[in-house]
């Protein structure tokens, strides 16, 4: 599956929000859970002190806030990022 670039022009929306998510079939007891939790913390867990925050806010000056999130359920394969 390939990716694509989508440009959304919003010239009159200076204070707009953009949220994106991905459903994941994972439980918190599976072997892939811990690496995903660590990756989320490293890339976006600390908001502005994270790699995402450093890039998007400090380097590019694109936003006042940026964060990432990862969740996994204990009973069902119902995760999200």
PDB file of N, CA and C in Angstrom:
ATOM      1  N   UNK A   1       0.850  -1.175   0.000  1.00  0.00           N
ATOM      2  CA  UNK A   1       0.000   0.000   0.000  1.00  0.00           C
ATOM      3  C   UNK A   1       0.891   1.232   0.000  1.00  0.00           C
ATOM      4  N   UNK A   2       0.685   2.098  -0.921  1.00  0.00           N
ATOM      5  CA  UNK A   2       1.496   3.306  -1.039  1.00  0.00           C
ATOM      6  C   UNK A   2       0.859   4.490  -0.362  1.00  0.00           C
ATOM      7  N   UNK A   3       1.668   5.473  -0.085  1.00  0.00           N
ATOM      8  CA  UNK A   3       1.168   6.693   0.527  1.00  0.00           C
ATOM      9  C   UNK A   3       0.836   7.725  -0.527  1.00  0.00           C
ATOM     10  N   UNK A   4       0.267   8.804  -0.080  1.00  0.00           N
ATOM     11  CA  UNK A   4      -0.038   9.891  -0.989  1.00  0.00           C
ATOM     12  C   UNK A   4       0.070  11.213  -0.237  1.00  0.00           C
ATOM     13  N   UNK A   5       0.287  12.267  -0.970  1.00  0.00           N
ATOM     14  CA  UNK A   5       0.348  13.597  -0.388  1.00  0.00           C
ATOM     15  C   UNK A   5      -0.932  14.335  -0.745  1.00  0.00           C
ATOM     16  N   UNK A   6      -1.598  14.850   0.269  1.00  0.00           N
ATOM     17  CA  UNK A   6      -2.834  15.603   0.080  1.00  0.00           C
ATOM     18  C   UNK A   6      -2.626  16.993   0.653  1.00  0.00           C
ATOM     19  N   UNK A   7      -2.871  18.013  -0.130  1.00  0.00           N
ATOM     20  CA  UNK A   7      -2.740  19.399   0.313  1.00  0.00           C
ATOM     21  C   UNK A   7      -4.144  19.954   0.527  1.00  0.00           C
ATOM     22  N   UNK A   8      -4.366  20.485   1.723  1.00  0.00           N
ATOM     23  CA  UNK A   8      -5.659  21.079   2.056  1.00  0.00           C
ATOM     24  C   UNK A   8      -5.440  22.575   2.235  1.00  0.00           C
ATOM     25  N   UNK A   9      -5.910  23.368   1.307  1.00  0.00           N
ATOM     26  CA  UNK A   9      -5.755  24.818   1.368  1.00  0.00           C
ATOM     27  C   UNK A   9      -6.795  25.403   2.323  1.00  0.00           C
ATOM     28  N   UNK A  10      -6.333  26.149   3.321  1.00  0.00           N
ATOM     29  CA  UNK A  10      -7.233  26.808   4.269  1.00  0.00           C
ATOM     30  C   UNK A  10      -6.758  28.237   4.525  1.00  0.00           C
ATOM     31  N   UNK A  11      -6.822  29.115   3.535  1.00  0.00           N
ATOM     32  CA  UNK A  11      -6.271  30.465   3.692  1.00  0.00           C
ATOM     33  C   UNK A  11      -6.979  31.314   4.748  1.00  0.00           C
ATOM     34  N   UNK A  12      -8.249  31.054   5.017  1.00  0.00           N
ATOM     35  CA  UNK A  12      -8.973  31.868   5.987  1.00  0.00           C
ATOM     36  C   UNK A  12      -9.096  31.188   7.348  1.00  0.00           C
ATOM     37  N   UNK A  13      -8.339  30.125   7.591  1.00  0.00           N
ATOM     38  CA  UNK A  13      -8.429  29.365   8.836  1.00  0.00           C
ATOM     39  C   UNK A  13      -7.084  29.373   9.558  1.00  0.00           C
ATOM     40  N   UNK A  14      -6.704  30.502  10.107  1.00  0.00           N
ATOM     41  CA  UNK A  14      -5.402  30.628  10.771  1.00  0.00           C
ATOM     42  C   UNK A  14      -5.293  29.767  12.020  1.00  0.00           C
ATOM     43  N   UNK A  15      -6.396  29.466  12.672  1.00  0.00           N
ATOM     44  CA  UNK A  15      -6.376  28.690  13.916  1.00  0.00           C
ATOM     45  C   UNK A  15      -7.046  27.333  13.760  1.00  0.00           C
ATOM     46  N   UNK A  16      -6.864  26.707  12.632  1.00  0.00           N
ATOM     47  CA  UNK A  16      -7.488  25.416  12.365  1.00  0.00           C
ATOM     48  C   UNK A  16      -6.757  24.283  13.094  1.00  0.00           C
ATOM     49  N   UNK A  17      -7.464  23.182  13.321  1.00  0.00           N
ATOM     50  CA  UNK A  17      -6.903  21.972  13.912  1.00  0.00           C
ATOM     51  C   UNK A  17      -6.940  20.867  12.882  1.00  0.00           C
ATOM     52  N   UNK A  18      -5.957  19.985  12.939  1.00  0.00           N
ATOM     53  CA  UNK A  18      -5.947  18.805  12.075  1.00  0.00           C
ATOM     54  C   UNK A  18      -5.674  17.590  12.945  1.00  0.00           C
ATOM     55  N   UNK A  19      -6.583  16.624  12.889  1.00  0.00           N
ATOM     56  CA  UNK A  19      -6.422  15.381  13.625  1.00  0.00           C
ATOM     57  C   UNK A  19      -6.421  14.237  12.634  1.00  0.00           C
ATOM     58  N   UNK A  20      -5.567  13.260  12.857  1.00  0.00           N
ATOM     59  CA  UNK A  20      -5.524  12.066  12.027  1.00  0.00           C
ATOM     60  C   UNK A  20      -5.330  10.868  12.940  1.00  0.00           C
ATOM     61  N   UNK A  21      -5.811   9.725  12.512  1.00  0.00           N
ATOM     62  CA  UNK A  21      -5.672   8.524  13.325  1.00  0.00           C
ATOM     63  C   UNK A  21      -5.584   7.279  12.465  1.00  0.00           C
ATOM     64  N   UNK A  22      -5.139   6.220  13.086  1.00  0.00           N
ATOM     65  CA  UNK A  22      -5.012   4.932  12.402  1.00  0.00           C
ATOM     66  C   UNK A  22      -5.447   3.844  13.369  1.00  0.00           C
ATOM     67  N   UNK A  23      -6.418   3.030  12.976  1.00  0.00           N
ATOM     68  CA  UNK A  23      -6.837   1.897  13.790  1.00  0.00           C
ATOM     69  C   UNK A  23      -5.790   0.791  13.680  1.00  0.00           C
ATOM     70  N   UNK A  24      -5.494   0.157  14.813  1.00  0.00           N
ATOM     71  CA  UNK A  24      -4.500  -0.902  14.846  1.00  0.00           C
ATOM     72  C   UNK A  24      -5.088  -2.137  15.520  1.00  0.00           C
ATOM     73  N   UNK A  25      -4.865  -3.308  14.940  1.00  0.00           N
ATOM     74  CA  UNK A  25      -5.319  -4.569  15.538  1.00  0.00           C
ATOM     75  C   UNK A  25      -4.225  -5.061  16.481  1.00  0.00           C
ATOM     76  N   UNK A  26      -4.216  -4.543  17.725  1.00  0.00           N
ATOM     77  CA  UNK A  26      -3.184  -4.903  18.694  1.00  0.00           C
ATOM     78  C   UNK A  26      -3.754  -4.824  20.109  1.00  0.00           C
ATOM     79  N   UNK A  27      -3.314  -5.743  20.963  1.00  0.00           N
ATOM     80  CA  UNK A  27      -3.642  -5.717  22.392  1.00  0.00           C
ATOM     81  C   UNK A  27      -2.379  -5.361  23.164  1.00  0.00           C
ATOM     82  N   UNK A  28      -2.537  -4.949  24.417  1.00  0.00           N
ATOM     83  CA  UNK A  28      -1.366  -4.561  25.201  1.00  0.00           C
ATOM     84  C   UNK A  28      -0.528  -5.738  25.680  1.00  0.00           C
ATOM     85  N   UNK A  29      -0.966  -6.958  25.390  1.00  0.00           N
ATOM     86  CA  UNK A  29      -0.197  -8.152  25.772  1.00  0.00           C
ATOM     87  C   UNK A  29       0.608  -8.725  24.604  1.00  0.00           C
ATOM     88  N   UNK A  30       0.516  -8.137  23.433  1.00  0.00           N
ATOM     89  CA  UNK A  30       1.226  -8.641  22.252  1.00  0.00           C
ATOM     90  C   UNK A  30       2.662  -8.119  22.214  1.00  0.00           C
ATOM     91  N   UNK A  31       3.565  -8.856  21.549  1.00  0.00           N
ATOM     92  CA  UNK A  31       4.971  -8.455  21.513  1.00  0.00           C
ATOM     93  C   UNK A  31       5.226  -7.095  20.845  1.00  0.00           C
ATOM     94  N   UNK A  32       4.390  -6.675  19.937  1.00  0.00           N
ATOM     95  CA  UNK A  32       4.583  -5.402  19.256  1.00  0.00           C
ATOM     96  C   UNK A  32       4.145  -4.195  20.060  1.00  0.00           C
ATOM     97  N   UNK A  33       3.476  -4.421  21.190  1.00  0.00           N
ATOM     98  CA  UNK A  33       2.958  -3.309  21.986  1.00  0.00           C
ATOM     99  C   UNK A  33       4.082  -2.446  22.570  1.00  0.00           C
ATOM    100  N   UNK A  34       5.028  -3.052  23.243  1.00  0.00           N
ATOM    101  CA  UNK A  34       6.106  -2.291  23.904  1.00  0.00           C
ATOM    102  C   UNK A  34       6.919  -1.444  22.920  1.00  0.00           C
ATOM    103  N   UNK A  35       7.343  -2.002  21.768  1.00  0.00           N
ATOM    104  CA  UNK A  35       8.073  -1.151  20.819  1.00  0.00           C
ATOM    105  C   UNK A  35       7.245   0.036  20.310  1.00  0.00           C
ATOM    106  N   UNK A  36       5.949  -0.158  20.114  1.00  0.00           N
ATOM    107  CA  UNK A  36       5.102   0.948  19.669  1.00  0.00           C
ATOM    108  C   UNK A  36       4.945   2.009  20.755  1.00  0.00           C
ATOM    109  N   UNK A  37       4.847   1.567  21.990  1.00  0.00           N
ATOM    110  CA  UNK A  37       4.744   2.509  23.112  1.00  0.00           C
ATOM    111  C   UNK A  37       6.025   3.341  23.231  1.00  0.00           C
ATOM    112  N   UNK A  38       7.178   2.700  23.096  1.00  0.00           N
ATOM    113  CA  UNK A  38       8.460   3.416  23.165  1.00  0.00           C
ATOM    114  C   UNK A  38       8.601   4.379  21.985  1.00  0.00           C
ATOM    115  N   UNK A  39       8.246   3.925  20.773  1.00  0.00           N
ATOM    116  CA  UNK A  39       8.343   4.786  19.591  1.00  0.00           C
ATOM    117  C   UNK A  39       7.442   6.006  19.736  1.00  0.00           C
ATOM    118  N   UNK A  40       6.238   5.816  20.243  1.00  0.00           N
ATOM    119  CA  UNK A  40       5.338   6.945  20.456  1.00  0.00           C
ATOM    120  C   UNK A  40       5.946   7.943  21.438  1.00  0.00           C
ATOM    121  N   UNK A  41       6.535   7.451  22.508  1.00  0.00           N
ATOM    122  CA  UNK A  41       7.155   8.341  23.485  1.00  0.00           C
ATOM    123  C   UNK A  41       8.329   9.100  22.874  1.00  0.00           C
ATOM    124  N   UNK A  42       9.168   8.411  22.111  1.00  0.00           N
ATOM    125  CA  UNK A  42      10.341   9.044  21.519  1.00  0.00           C
ATOM    126  C   UNK A  42       9.982  10.093  20.477  1.00  0.00           C
ATOM    127  N   UNK A  43       8.991   9.805  19.651  1.00  0.00           N
ATOM    128  CA  UNK A  43       8.654  10.724  18.565  1.00  0.00           C
ATOM    129  C   UNK A  43       7.695  11.829  18.976  1.00  0.00           C
ATOM    130  N   UNK A  44       6.742  11.541  19.865  1.00  0.00           N
ATOM    131  CA  UNK A  44       5.746  12.560  20.148  1.00  0.00           C
ATOM    132  C   UNK A  44       5.200  12.597  21.544  1.00  0.00           C
ATOM    133  N   UNK A  45       5.732  11.803  22.442  1.00  0.00           N
ATOM    134  CA  UNK A  45       5.171  11.702  23.785  1.00  0.00           C
ATOM    135  C   UNK A  45       5.333  12.943  24.642  1.00  0.00           C
ATOM    136  N   UNK A  46       6.337  13.756  24.400  1.00  0.00           N
ATOM    137  CA  UNK A  46       6.588  14.921  25.241  1.00  0.00           C
ATOM    138  C   UNK A  46       6.117  16.225  24.633  1.00  0.00           C
ATOM    139  N   UNK A  47       5.171  16.193  23.748  1.00  0.00           N
ATOM    140  CA  UNK A  47       4.644  17.354  23.005  1.00  0.00           C
ATOM    141  C   UNK A  47       5.773  18.208  22.441  1.00  0.00           C
ATOM    142  N   UNK A  48       6.009  19.391  22.976  1.00  0.00           N
ATOM    143  CA  UNK A  48       7.008  20.284  22.376  1.00  0.00           C
ATOM    144  C   UNK A  48       8.446  19.840  22.628  1.00  0.00           C
ATOM    145  N   UNK A  49       8.681  18.991  23.626  1.00  0.00           N
ATOM    146  CA  UNK A  49      10.025  18.488  23.893  1.00  0.00           C
ATOM    147  C   UNK A  49      10.329  17.221  23.090  1.00  0.00           C
ATOM    148  N   UNK A  50       9.413  16.792  22.247  1.00  0.00           N
ATOM    149  CA  UNK A  50       9.577  15.566  21.468  1.00  0.00           C
ATOM    150  C   UNK A  50      10.203  15.868  20.106  1.00  0.00           C
ATOM    151  N   UNK A  51      10.497  14.831  19.363  1.00  0.00           N
ATOM    152  CA  UNK A  51      11.021  15.010  18.008  1.00  0.00           C
ATOM    153  C   UNK A  51       9.992  15.705  17.122  1.00  0.00           C
ATOM    154  N   UNK A  52       8.716  15.329  17.276  1.00  0.00           N
ATOM    155  CA  UNK A  52       7.665  15.998  16.499  1.00  0.00           C
ATOM    156  C   UNK A  52       7.593  17.483  16.854  1.00  0.00           C
ATOM    157  N   UNK A  53       7.588  17.775  18.151  1.00  0.00           N
ATOM    158  CA  UNK A  53       7.506  19.162  18.588  1.00  0.00           C
ATOM    159  C   UNK A  53       8.700  19.986  18.142  1.00  0.00           C
ATOM    160  N   UNK A  54       9.882  19.398  18.224  1.00  0.00           N
ATOM    161  CA  UNK A  54      11.082  20.100  17.792  1.00  0.00           C
ATOM    162  C   UNK A  54      11.023  20.424  16.314  1.00  0.00           C
ATOM    163  N   UNK A  55      10.565  19.471  15.514  1.00  0.00           N
ATOM    164  CA  UNK A  55      10.515  19.689  14.069  1.00  0.00           C
ATOM    165  C   UNK A  55       9.405  20.671  13.676  1.00  0.00           C
ATOM    166  N   UNK A  56       8.195  20.380  14.123  1.00  0.00           N
ATOM    167  CA  UNK A  56       7.035  21.154  13.674  1.00  0.00           C
ATOM    168  C   UNK A  56       7.000  22.553  14.298  1.00  0.00           C
ATOM    169  N   UNK A  57       7.360  22.678  15.561  1.00  0.00           N
ATOM    170  CA  UNK A  57       7.278  23.979  16.239  1.00  0.00           C
ATOM    171  C   UNK A  57       8.607  24.746  16.187  1.00  0.00           C
ATOM    172  N   UNK A  58       9.663  24.140  16.742  1.00  0.00           N
ATOM    173  CA  UNK A  58      10.919  24.870  16.866  1.00  0.00           C
ATOM    174  C   UNK A  58      11.612  25.082  15.519  1.00  0.00           C
ATOM    175  N   UNK A  59      11.700  24.067  14.685  1.00  0.00           N
ATOM    176  CA  UNK A  59      12.448  24.190  13.432  1.00  0.00           C
ATOM    177  C   UNK A  59      11.625  24.844  12.317  1.00  0.00           C
ATOM    178  N   UNK A  60      10.411  24.327  12.083  1.00  0.00           N
ATOM    179  CA  UNK A  60       9.606  24.824  10.965  1.00  0.00           C
ATOM    180  C   UNK A  60       8.642  25.944  11.350  1.00  0.00           C
ATOM    181  N   UNK A  61       8.343  26.115  12.632  1.00  0.00           N
ATOM    182  CA  UNK A  61       7.440  27.176  13.079  1.00  0.00           C
ATOM    183  C   UNK A  61       6.029  27.037  12.555  1.00  0.00           C
ATOM    184  N   UNK A  62       5.559  25.810  12.406  1.00  0.00           N
ATOM    185  CA  UNK A  62       4.253  25.585  11.794  1.00  0.00           C
ATOM    186  C   UNK A  62       3.094  25.570  12.784  1.00  0.00           C
ATOM    187  N   UNK A  63       3.354  25.286  14.057  1.00  0.00           N
ATOM    188  CA  UNK A  63       2.264  25.116  14.993  1.00  0.00           C
ATOM    189  C   UNK A  63       2.710  25.427  16.412  1.00  0.00           C
ATOM    190  N   UNK A  64       1.754  25.780  17.263  1.00  0.00           N
ATOM    191  CA  UNK A  64       2.054  25.991  18.671  1.00  0.00           C
ATOM    192  C   UNK A  64       2.014  24.687  19.438  1.00  0.00           C
ATOM    193  N   UNK A  65       1.396  23.669  18.903  1.00  0.00           N
ATOM    194  CA  UNK A  65       1.308  22.395  19.603  1.00  0.00           C
ATOM    195  C   UNK A  65       1.249  21.223  18.641  1.00  0.00           C
ATOM    196  N   UNK A  66       1.883  20.144  19.037  1.00  0.00           N
ATOM    197  CA  UNK A  66       1.847  18.916  18.261  1.00  0.00           C
ATOM    198  C   UNK A  66       2.049  17.763  19.235  1.00  0.00           C
ATOM    199  N   UNK A  67       1.380  16.651  18.985  1.00  0.00           N
ATOM    200  CA  UNK A  67       1.501  15.498  19.872  1.00  0.00           C
ATOM    201  C   UNK A  67       1.143  14.233  19.114  1.00  0.00           C
ATOM    202  N   UNK A  68       1.567  13.123  19.656  1.00  0.00           N
ATOM    203  CA  UNK A  68       1.154  11.831  19.118  1.00  0.00           C
ATOM    204  C   UNK A  68       0.579  11.008  20.255  1.00  0.00           C
ATOM    205  N   UNK A  69      -0.167   9.991  19.891  1.00  0.00           N
ATOM    206  CA  UNK A  69      -0.832   9.162  20.886  1.00  0.00           C
ATOM    207  C   UNK A  69      -0.867   7.732  20.397  1.00  0.00           C
ATOM    208  N   UNK A  70      -0.706   6.797  21.304  1.00  0.00           N
ATOM    209  CA  UNK A  70      -0.833   5.378  20.989  1.00  0.00           C
ATOM    210  C   UNK A  70      -1.596   4.710  22.114  1.00  0.00           C
ATOM    211  N   UNK A  71      -2.610   3.928  21.764  1.00  0.00           N
ATOM    212  CA  UNK A  71      -3.377   3.189  22.758  1.00  0.00           C
ATOM    213  C   UNK A  71      -3.569   1.758  22.293  1.00  0.00           C
ATOM    214  N   UNK A  72      -3.690   0.863  23.246  1.00  0.00           N
ATOM    215  CA  UNK A  72      -4.004  -0.540  22.963  1.00  0.00           C
ATOM    216  C   UNK A  72      -4.862  -1.056  24.109  1.00  0.00           C
ATOM    217  N   UNK A  73      -5.854  -1.864  23.773  1.00  0.00           N
ATOM    218  CA  UNK A  73      -6.788  -2.391  24.753  1.00  0.00           C
ATOM    219  C   UNK A  73      -6.238  -3.665  25.397  1.00  0.00           C
ATOM    220  N   UNK A  74      -6.637  -3.951  26.611  1.00  0.00           N
ATOM    221  CA  UNK A  74      -6.191  -5.155  27.292  1.00  0.00           C
ATOM    222  C   UNK A  74      -6.994  -6.381  26.892  1.00  0.00           C
ATOM    223  N   UNK A  75      -8.239  -6.197  26.449  1.00  0.00           N
ATOM    224  CA  UNK A  75      -9.084  -7.339  26.137  1.00  0.00           C
ATOM    225  C   UNK A  75      -9.222  -7.622  24.647  1.00  0.00           C
ATOM    226  N   UNK A  76      -9.371  -6.607  23.848  1.00  0.00           N
ATOM    227  CA  UNK A  76      -9.617  -6.776  22.416  1.00  0.00           C
ATOM    228  C   UNK A  76      -8.465  -6.204  21.603  1.00  0.00           C
ATOM    229  N   UNK A  77      -8.374  -6.647  20.348  1.00  0.00           N
ATOM    230  CA  UNK A  77      -7.387  -6.072  19.429  1.00  0.00           C
ATOM    231  C   UNK A  77      -7.943  -4.756  18.909  1.00  0.00           C
ATOM    232  N   UNK A  78      -7.938  -3.773  19.771  1.00  0.00           N
ATOM    233  CA  UNK A  78      -8.540  -2.481  19.457  1.00  0.00           C
ATOM    234  C   UNK A  78      -7.569  -1.371  19.841  1.00  0.00           C
ATOM    235  N   UNK A  79      -6.574  -1.143  19.014  1.00  0.00           N
ATOM    236  CA  UNK A  79      -5.586  -0.107  19.280  1.00  0.00           C
ATOM    237  C   UNK A  79      -5.768   1.054  18.328  1.00  0.00           C
ATOM    238  N   UNK A  80      -5.067   2.130  18.612  1.00  0.00           N
ATOM    239  CA  UNK A  80      -5.137   3.307  17.742  1.00  0.00           C
ATOM    240  C   UNK A  80      -3.884   4.144  17.934  1.00  0.00           C
ATOM    241  N   UNK A  81      -3.542   4.861  16.870  1.00  0.00           N
ATOM    242  CA  UNK A  81      -2.444   5.820  16.971  1.00  0.00           C
ATOM    243  C   UNK A  81      -2.827   7.062  16.223  1.00  0.00           C
TER     244      UNK A  81
END
